[in-house]
PDB file of N, CA and C in Angstrom:
ATOM      1  N   MET A   1      77.560  24.986  17.507  1.00  0.00           N
ATOM      2  CA  MET A   1      77.979  24.372  18.074  1.00  0.00           C
ATOM      3  C   MET A   1      79.822  23.991  18.022  1.00  0.00           C
ATOM      4  N   ALA A   2      79.951  24.786  16.708  1.00  0.00           N
ATOM      5  CA  ALA A   2      81.356  24.702  16.381  1.00  0.00           C
ATOM      6  C   ALA A   2      81.897  25.346  17.477  1.00  0.00           C
ATOM      7  N   ARG A   3      81.518  26.802  18.185  1.00  0.00           N
ATOM      8  CA  ARG A   3      81.873  27.268  19.121  1.00  0.00           C
ATOM      9  C   ARG A   3      82.232  26.264  20.458  1.00  0.00           C
ATOM     10  N   PHE A   4      81.365  25.005  20.553  1.00  0.00           N
ATOM     11  CA  PHE A   4      81.599  24.527  21.835  1.00  0.00           C
ATOM     12  C   PHE A   4      82.772  23.608  21.441  1.00  0.00           C
ATOM     13  N   GLU A   5      83.469  23.477  20.580  1.00  0.00           N
ATOM     14  CA  GLU A   5      84.485  22.460  20.232  1.00  0.00           C
ATOM     15  C   GLU A   5      85.629  23.201  20.638  1.00  0.00           C
ATOM     16  N   MET A   6      85.854  24.786  20.143  1.00  0.00           N
ATOM     17  CA  MET A   6      86.697  25.665  20.516  1.00  0.00           C
ATOM     18  C   MET A   6      87.015  25.971  21.532  1.00  0.00           C
ATOM     19  N   GLN A   7      85.767  26.671  22.365  1.00  0.00           N
ATOM     20  CA  GLN A   7      85.872  26.871  23.526  1.00  0.00           C
ATOM     21  C   GLN A   7      85.790  25.972  25.177  1.00  0.00           C
ATOM     22  N   ASN A   8      85.108  24.713  24.584  1.00  0.00           N
ATOM     23  CA  ASN A   8      84.726  23.943  25.867  1.00  0.00           C
ATOM     24  C   ASN A   8      85.468  22.563  25.689  1.00  0.00           C
ATOM     25  N   THR A   9      86.746  22.617  24.968  1.00  0.00           N
ATOM     26  CA  THR A   9      87.289  21.319  25.243  1.00  0.00           C
ATOM     27  C   THR A   9      88.061  20.808  26.435  1.00  0.00           C
ATOM     28  N   ASP A  10      88.408  22.078  27.071  1.00  0.00           N
ATOM     29  CA  ASP A  10      89.076  22.315  28.470  1.00  0.00           C
ATOM     30  C   ASP A  10      87.855  21.092  29.362  1.00  0.00           C
ATOM     31  N   PHE A  11      86.691  21.183  29.362  1.00  0.00           N
ATOM     32  CA  PHE A  11      86.042  20.226  30.279  1.00  0.00           C
ATOM     33  C   PHE A  11      86.224  18.630  30.153  1.00  0.00           C
ATOM     34  N   ALA A  12      86.590  18.406  28.919  1.00  0.00           N
ATOM     35  CA  ALA A  12      86.675  17.291  28.583  1.00  0.00           C
ATOM     36  C   ALA A  12      88.181  16.453  29.255  1.00  0.00           C
ATOM     37  N   THR A  13      88.911  17.585  29.419  1.00  0.00           N
ATOM     38  CA  THR A  13      90.500  17.264  29.713  1.00  0.00           C
ATOM     39  C   THR A  13      90.685  16.684  31.299  1.00  0.00           C
ATOM     40  N   THR A  14      89.911  16.501  31.965  1.00  0.00           N
ATOM     41  CA  THR A  14      89.982  16.236  33.099  1.00  0.00           C
ATOM     42  C   THR A  14      89.222  14.573  33.400  1.00  0.00           C
ATOM     43  N   GLY A  15      90.113  13.648  33.324  1.00  0.00           N
ATOM     44  CA  GLY A  15      89.448  12.410  34.295  1.00  0.00           C
ATOM     45  C   GLY A  15      88.790  11.395  33.355  1.00  0.00           C
ATOM     46  N   GLY A  16      89.645  10.135  32.791  1.00  0.00           N
ATOM     47  CA  GLY A  16      89.332   9.180  32.506  1.00  0.00           C
ATOM     48  C   GLY A  16      88.261   8.989  31.428  1.00  0.00           C
ATOM     49  N   GLU A  17      87.348   8.125  31.598  1.00  0.00           N
ATOM     50  CA  GLU A  17      86.200   7.752  31.218  1.00  0.00           C
ATOM     51  C   GLU A  17      84.847   8.985  30.633  1.00  0.00           C
ATOM     52  N   THR A  18      84.984   9.935  31.466  1.00  0.00           N
ATOM     53  CA  THR A  18      84.312  11.073  30.987  1.00  0.00           C
ATOM     54  C   THR A  18      85.136  11.796  30.024  1.00  0.00           C
ATOM     55  N   ARG A  19      85.839  11.934  30.082  1.00  0.00           N
ATOM     56  CA  ARG A  19      86.908  12.911  29.214  1.00  0.00           C
ATOM     57  C   ARG A  19      86.322  12.082  27.636  1.00  0.00           C
ATOM     58  N   ALA A  20      86.723  10.392  27.783  1.00  0.00           N
ATOM     59  CA  ALA A  20      86.598   9.908  26.693  1.00  0.00           C
ATOM     60  C   ALA A  20      85.060   9.994  25.735  1.00  0.00           C
ATOM     61  N   ASP A  21      84.068   9.573  26.828  1.00  0.00           N
ATOM     62  CA  ASP A  21      82.922   9.915  26.772  1.00  0.00           C
ATOM     63  C   ASP A  21      82.591  11.343  26.096  1.00  0.00           C
ATOM     64  N   ALA A  22      82.935  12.603  26.370  1.00  0.00           N
ATOM     65  CA  ALA A  22      82.735  13.727  26.129  1.00  0.00           C
ATOM     66  C   ALA A  22      83.213  13.826  24.436  1.00  0.00           C
ATOM     67  N   PHE A  23      84.299  13.471  24.176  1.00  0.00           N
ATOM     68  CA  PHE A  23      84.959  13.217  23.008  1.00  0.00           C
ATOM     69  C   PHE A  23      84.107  12.430  21.979  1.00  0.00           C
ATOM     70  N   CYS A  24      83.709  11.314  22.253  1.00  0.00           N
ATOM     71  CA  CYS A  24      82.621  10.518  21.532  1.00  0.00           C
ATOM     72  C   CYS A  24      81.372  11.077  21.115  1.00  0.00           C
ATOM     73  N   GLU A  25      80.920  11.906  22.001  1.00  0.00           N
ATOM     74  CA  GLU A  25      79.726  12.990  21.923  1.00  0.00           C
ATOM     75  C   GLU A  25      79.751  13.786  20.656  1.00  0.00           C
ATOM     76  N   MET A  26      81.225  14.568  21.050  1.00  0.00           N
ATOM     77  CA  MET A  26      81.378  15.627  19.729  1.00  0.00           C
ATOM     78  C   MET A  26      81.509  14.614  18.599  1.00  0.00           C
ATOM     79  N   GLY A  27      81.908  13.601  18.457  1.00  0.00           N
ATOM     80  CA  GLY A  27      82.243  13.232  16.939  1.00  0.00           C
ATOM     81  C   GLY A  27      80.993  12.518  16.901  1.00  0.00           C
ATOM     82  N   LEU A  28      79.979  12.224  17.349  1.00  0.00           N
ATOM     83  CA  LEU A  28      78.730  11.798  17.184  1.00  0.00           C
ATOM     84  C   LEU A  28      78.025  13.097  16.733  1.00  0.00           C
ATOM     85  N   MET A  29      78.034  14.063  17.412  1.00  0.00           N
ATOM     86  CA  MET A  29      77.492  15.404  16.846  1.00  0.00           C
ATOM     87  C   MET A  29      77.842  15.740  15.487  1.00  0.00           C
ATOM     88  N   TYR A  30      78.898  15.609  15.167  1.00  0.00           N
ATOM     89  CA  TYR A  30      79.522  15.742  13.810  1.00  0.00           C
ATOM     90  C   TYR A  30      78.759  15.101  12.975  1.00  0.00           C
ATOM     91  N   ALA A  31      79.129  13.682  13.206  1.00  0.00           N
ATOM     92  CA  ALA A  31      78.541  12.935  12.301  1.00  0.00           C
ATOM     93  C   ALA A  31      77.061  12.590  12.037  1.00  0.00           C
ATOM     94  N   THR A  32      76.351  13.305  12.867  1.00  0.00           N
ATOM     95  CA  THR A  32      74.933  13.184  12.469  1.00  0.00           C
ATOM     96  C   THR A  32      74.447  14.597  12.220  1.00  0.00           C
ATOM     97  N   GLY A  33      75.179  15.778  12.042  1.00  0.00           N
ATOM     98  CA  GLY A  33      74.690  16.875  12.171  1.00  0.00           C
ATOM     99  C   GLY A  33      73.824  17.389  13.178  1.00  0.00           C
ATOM    100  N   ARG A  34      74.005  16.987  14.472  1.00  0.00           N
ATOM    101  CA  ARG A  34      73.203  17.422  15.456  1.00  0.00           C
ATOM    102  C   ARG A  34      73.746  19.195  16.373  1.00  0.00           C
ATOM    103  N   GLY A  35      72.957  19.902  15.967  1.00  0.00           N
ATOM    104  CA  GLY A  35      73.326  20.989  16.108  1.00  0.00           C
ATOM    105  C   GLY A  35      74.188  21.744  15.362  1.00  0.00           C
ATOM    106  N   CYS A  36      74.785  21.093  14.342  1.00  0.00           N
ATOM    107  CA  CYS A  36      75.701  21.796  13.487  1.00  0.00           C
ATOM    108  C   CYS A  36      75.451  20.946  12.317  1.00  0.00           C
ATOM    109  N   ALA A  37      76.607  21.679  11.199  1.00  0.00           N
ATOM    110  CA  ALA A  37      76.581  20.851   9.775  1.00  0.00           C
ATOM    111  C   ALA A  37      77.161  19.459   9.683  1.00  0.00           C
ATOM    112  N   ILE A  38      76.820  18.567   9.245  1.00  0.00           N
ATOM    113  CA  ILE A  38      77.662  17.146   9.342  1.00  0.00           C
ATOM    114  C   ILE A  38      78.911  17.462   8.693  1.00  0.00           C
ATOM    115  N   ASP A  39      80.129  17.344   9.445  1.00  0.00           N
ATOM    116  CA  ASP A  39      81.778  17.352   9.012  1.00  0.00           C
ATOM    117  C   ASP A  39      82.271  15.929   9.597  1.00  0.00           C
ATOM    118  N   LEU A  40      82.071  15.158   8.677  1.00  0.00           N
ATOM    119  CA  LEU A  40      82.723  13.810   9.049  1.00  0.00           C
ATOM    120  C   LEU A  40      84.335  13.785   9.373  1.00  0.00           C
ATOM    121  N   ILE A  41      84.941  14.795   8.504  1.00  0.00           N
ATOM    122  CA  ILE A  41      86.744  15.072   9.124  1.00  0.00           C
ATOM    123  C   ILE A  41      86.603  15.108  10.400  1.00  0.00           C
ATOM    124  N   SER A  42      85.579  16.183  10.935  1.00  0.00           N
ATOM    125  CA  SER A  42      85.532  16.739  12.425  1.00  0.00           C
ATOM    126  C   SER A  42      85.252  15.476  13.216  1.00  0.00           C
ATOM    127  N   ALA A  43      83.978  14.783  12.947  1.00  0.00           N
ATOM    128  CA  ALA A  43      83.727  13.503  13.575  1.00  0.00           C
ATOM    129  C   ALA A  43      84.793  12.227  13.744  1.00  0.00           C
ATOM    130  N   HIS A  44      85.367  12.237  12.698  1.00  0.00           N
ATOM    131  CA  HIS A  44      86.388  11.012  12.633  1.00  0.00           C
ATOM    132  C   HIS A  44      87.365  11.724  13.814  1.00  0.00           C
ATOM    133  N   LYS A  45      87.670  12.941  13.675  1.00  0.00           N
ATOM    134  CA  LYS A  45      88.755  13.770  14.420  1.00  0.00           C
ATOM    135  C   LYS A  45      88.345  13.152  15.782  1.00  0.00           C
ATOM    136  N   TRP A  46      87.472  13.600  16.264  1.00  0.00           N
ATOM    137  CA  TRP A  46      86.797  13.635  17.685  1.00  0.00           C
ATOM    138  C   TRP A  46      86.756  12.126  18.270  1.00  0.00           C
ATOM    139  N   LEU A  47      86.180  10.931  17.340  1.00  0.00           N
ATOM    140  CA  LEU A  47      85.736   9.757  17.467  1.00  0.00           C
ATOM    141  C   LEU A  47      87.159   8.827  17.763  1.00  0.00           C
ATOM    142  N   ASN A  48      88.439   9.437  16.914  1.00  0.00           N
ATOM    143  CA  ASN A  48      89.766   9.201  17.205  1.00  0.00           C
ATOM    144  C   ASN A  48      90.288   9.304  18.318  1.00  0.00           C
ATOM    145  N   ILE A  49      90.123  10.662  18.909  1.00  0.00           N
ATOM    146  CA  ILE A  49      90.653  11.044  20.225  1.00  0.00           C
ATOM    147  C   ILE A  49      89.701  10.265  21.069  1.00  0.00           C
ATOM    148  N   ALA A  50      88.730  10.075  21.148  1.00  0.00           N
ATOM    149  CA  ALA A  50      88.207   9.417  21.947  1.00  0.00           C
ATOM    150  C   ALA A  50      88.219   7.849  22.412  1.00  0.00           C
ATOM    151  N   ALA A  51      88.733   7.294  21.206  1.00  0.00           N
ATOM    152  CA  ALA A  51      89.243   5.931  20.819  1.00  0.00           C
ATOM    153  C   ALA A  51      90.662   5.807  21.631  1.00  0.00           C
ATOM    154  N   ILE A  52      91.386   6.779  21.575  1.00  0.00           N
ATOM    155  CA  ILE A  52      92.732   6.834  22.023  1.00  0.00           C
ATOM    156  C   ILE A  52      92.745   6.987  23.519  1.00  0.00           C
ATOM    157  N   LYS A  53      91.408   7.751  24.057  1.00  0.00           N
ATOM    158  CA  LYS A  53      91.457   7.938  25.196  1.00  0.00           C
ATOM    159  C   LYS A  53      90.660   6.653  25.831  1.00  0.00           C
ATOM    160  N   GLY A  54      90.333   5.658  25.535  1.00  0.00           N
ATOM    161  CA  GLY A  54      89.959   4.460  25.992  1.00  0.00           C
ATOM    162  C   GLY A  54      88.496   4.119  25.775  1.00  0.00           C
ATOM    163  N   SER A  55      87.560   4.958  24.632  1.00  0.00           N
ATOM    164  CA  SER A  55      86.303   4.754  24.703  1.00  0.00           C
ATOM    165  C   SER A  55      86.220   3.409  23.502  1.00  0.00           C
ATOM    166  N   GLU A  56      85.741   2.363  23.727  1.00  0.00           N
ATOM    167  CA  GLU A  56      85.693   1.265  22.737  1.00  0.00           C
ATOM    168  C   GLU A  56      84.332   1.479  21.833  1.00  0.00           C
ATOM    169  N   ARG A  57      83.344   2.217  22.388  1.00  0.00           N
ATOM    170  CA  ARG A  57      82.327   2.695  21.342  1.00  0.00           C
ATOM    171  C   ARG A  57      82.998   3.491  20.034  1.00  0.00           C
ATOM    172  N   ALA A  58      83.996   4.544  20.739  1.00  0.00           N
ATOM    173  CA  ALA A  58      84.297   5.431  19.773  1.00  0.00           C
ATOM    174  C   ALA A  58      85.139   4.703  18.518  1.00  0.00           C
ATOM    175  N   ALA A  59      86.107   3.715  18.910  1.00  0.00           N
ATOM    176  CA  ALA A  59      86.878   2.963  18.230  1.00  0.00           C
ATOM    177  C   ALA A  59      85.913   2.192  17.227  1.00  0.00           C
ATOM    178  N   GLU A  60      84.774   1.690  17.414  1.00  0.00           N
ATOM    179  CA  GLU A  60      83.695   0.975  16.545  1.00  0.00           C
ATOM    180  C   GLU A  60      82.952   1.943  15.819  1.00  0.00           C
ATOM    181  N   LEU A  61      82.987   3.365  16.335  1.00  0.00           N
ATOM    182  CA  LEU A  61      82.409   4.199  15.507  1.00  0.00           C
ATOM    183  C   LEU A  61      83.052   4.633  14.505  1.00  0.00           C
ATOM    184  N   ARG A  62      84.393   4.947  14.919  1.00  0.00           N
ATOM    185  CA  ARG A  62      85.504   5.372  13.965  1.00  0.00           C
ATOM    186  C   ARG A  62      85.699   4.216  12.848  1.00  0.00           C
ATOM    187  N   ALA A  63      85.398   3.326  13.005  1.00  0.00           N
ATOM    188  CA  ALA A  63      86.039   2.304  12.125  1.00  0.00           C
ATOM    189  C   ALA A  63      84.823   2.122  10.848  1.00  0.00           C
ATOM    190  N   ASP A  64      83.933   2.281  11.354  1.00  0.00           N
ATOM    191  CA  ASP A  64      82.446   2.434  10.553  1.00  0.00           C
ATOM    192  C   ASP A  64      82.709   3.461   9.377  1.00  0.00           C
ATOM    193  N   LEU A  65      82.878   4.858  10.195  1.00  0.00           N
ATOM    194  CA  LEU A  65      82.708   6.024   9.714  1.00  0.00           C
ATOM    195  C   LEU A  65      83.819   6.192   8.878  1.00  0.00           C
ATOM    196  N   ALA A  66      84.965   5.544   9.078  1.00  0.00           N
ATOM    197  CA  ALA A  66      86.420   5.309   7.883  1.00  0.00           C
ATOM    198  C   ALA A  66      85.985   4.446   6.705  1.00  0.00           C
ATOM    199  N   GLN A  67      84.991   4.035   6.786  1.00  0.00           N
ATOM    200  CA  GLN A  67      84.733   2.954   5.809  1.00  0.00           C
ATOM    201  C   GLN A  67      83.950   4.044   4.689  1.00  0.00           C
ATOM    202  N   THR A  68      83.399   4.901   4.961  1.00  0.00           N
ATOM    203  CA  THR A  68      82.497   5.740   4.342  1.00  0.00           C
ATOM    204  C   THR A  68      83.273   7.038   3.843  1.00  0.00           C
ATOM    205  N   MET A  69      84.636   7.119   4.483  1.00  0.00           N
ATOM    206  CA  MET A  69      85.406   8.025   3.949  1.00  0.00           C
ATOM    207  C   MET A  69      86.210   8.292   2.773  1.00  0.00           C
ATOM    208  N   ASN A  70      86.582   9.060   1.782  1.00  0.00           N
ATOM    209  CA  ASN A  70      87.565   8.735   0.769  1.00  0.00           C
ATOM    210  C   ASN A  70      89.114   9.022   1.434  1.00  0.00           C
ATOM    211  N   LYS A  71      90.023   8.666   0.846  1.00  0.00           N
ATOM    212  CA  LYS A  71      91.381   8.732   1.613  1.00  0.00           C
ATOM    213  C   LYS A  71      91.712   9.947   2.079  1.00  0.00           C
ATOM    214  N   GLY A  72      91.635  11.115   1.250  1.00  0.00           N
ATOM    215  CA  GLY A  72      92.097  12.356   1.567  1.00  0.00           C
ATOM    216  C   GLY A  72      91.267  12.953   2.784  1.00  0.00           C
ATOM    217  N   ASP A  73      90.246  12.669   3.002  1.00  0.00           N
ATOM    218  CA  ASP A  73      89.512  13.107   4.231  1.00  0.00           C
ATOM    219  C   ASP A  73      89.865  12.555   5.337  1.00  0.00           C
ATOM    220  N   LEU A  74      90.067  11.092   4.948  1.00  0.00           N
ATOM    221  CA  LEU A  74      90.727  10.008   6.129  1.00  0.00           C
ATOM    222  C   LEU A  74      91.809  10.779   6.778  1.00  0.00           C
ATOM    223  N   ALA A  75      92.692  10.956   5.587  1.00  0.00           N
ATOM    224  CA  ALA A  75      94.297  11.669   6.031  1.00  0.00           C
ATOM    225  C   ALA A  75      93.966  13.050   6.894  1.00  0.00           C
ATOM    226  N   ALA A  76      92.925  13.648   6.320  1.00  0.00           N
ATOM    227  CA  ALA A  76      92.908  15.056   7.075  1.00  0.00           C
ATOM    228  C   ALA A  76      92.556  14.799   8.358  1.00  0.00           C
ATOM    229  N   ALA A  77      91.400  13.875   8.584  1.00  0.00           N
ATOM    230  CA  ALA A  77      91.010  13.707   9.956  1.00  0.00           C
ATOM    231  C   ALA A  77      92.098  13.407  10.782  1.00  0.00           C
ATOM    232  N   LEU A  78      92.825  12.238  10.484  1.00  0.00           N
ATOM    233  CA  LEU A  78      93.724  11.734  11.318  1.00  0.00           C
ATOM    234  C   LEU A  78      95.012  12.830  11.653  1.00  0.00           C
ATOM    235  N   ARG A  79      95.290  13.707  10.744  1.00  0.00           N
ATOM    236  CA  ARG A  79      96.064  14.713  10.906  1.00  0.00           C
ATOM    237  C   ARG A  79      95.424  15.632  11.994  1.00  0.00           C
ATOM    238  N   ALA A  80      94.148  15.741  11.560  1.00  0.00           N
ATOM    239  CA  ALA A  80      93.996  16.792  13.086  1.00  0.00           C
ATOM    240  C   ALA A  80      93.888  16.420  14.237  1.00  0.00           C
ATOM    241  N   ALA A  81      93.300  14.910  14.370  1.00  0.00           N
ATOM    242  CA  ALA A  81      93.266  14.220  15.749  1.00  0.00           C
ATOM    243  C   ALA A  81      94.892  14.438  16.054  1.00  0.00           C
ATOM    244  N   ARG A  82      95.701  14.171  15.381  1.00  0.00           N
ATOM    245  CA  ARG A  82      97.252  13.867  15.890  1.00  0.00           C
ATOM    246  C   ARG A  82      97.523  15.733  16.057  1.00  0.00           C
ATOM    247  N   GLU A  83      97.112  16.515  15.713  1.00  0.00           N
ATOM    248  CA  GLU A  83      97.810  18.142  15.715  1.00  0.00           C
ATOM    249  C   GLU A  83      97.023  18.149  17.377  1.00  0.00           C
ATOM    250  N   TRP A  84      95.922  17.820  17.535  1.00  0.00           N
ATOM    251  CA  TRP A  84      94.925  18.284  18.524  1.00  0.00           C
ATOM    252  C   TRP A  84      95.935  17.662  19.927  1.00  0.00           C
ATOM    253  N   MET A  85      96.163  16.573  19.607  1.00  0.00           N
ATOM    254  CA  MET A  85      96.494  15.581  20.745  1.00  0.00           C
ATOM    255  C   MET A  85      98.038  16.191  20.963  1.00  0.00           C
ATOM    256  N   THR A  86      98.578  16.539  19.899  1.00  0.00           N
ATOM    257  CA  THR A  86      99.872  17.152  20.390  1.00  0.00           C
ATOM    258  C   THR A  86      99.847  18.632  21.118  1.00  0.00           C
ATOM    259  N   MET A  87      98.732  19.314  20.801  1.00  0.00           N
ATOM    260  CA  MET A  87      98.838  20.511  21.753  1.00  0.00           C
ATOM    261  C   MET A  87      97.964  20.408  23.018  1.00  0.00           C
ATOM    262  N   HIS A  88      97.447  19.255  23.336  1.00  0.00           N
ATOM    263  CA  HIS A  88      96.584  18.780  24.081  1.00  0.00           C
ATOM    264  C   HIS A  88      97.338  17.705  25.172  1.00  0.00           C
TER     265      HIS A  88
END
């Protein structure tokens, strides 16, 4: 599923709610290990991007996840989201 992230994020860059929902699903995939290893940094990154794109559900999940992360991992997730947003 990591290949999914790198190759198919373009599908999520067209149109409002669908885009936010796709990013939220990617965050959930990494948070739960659905089809990939659990990666809380990537999970937070994608939930953060989904929240920025308007997903209230992602914002709530991101807040819950952030409470379980240490400061270093949280900072890394925020940097990753910022870098992705800058490039896309």
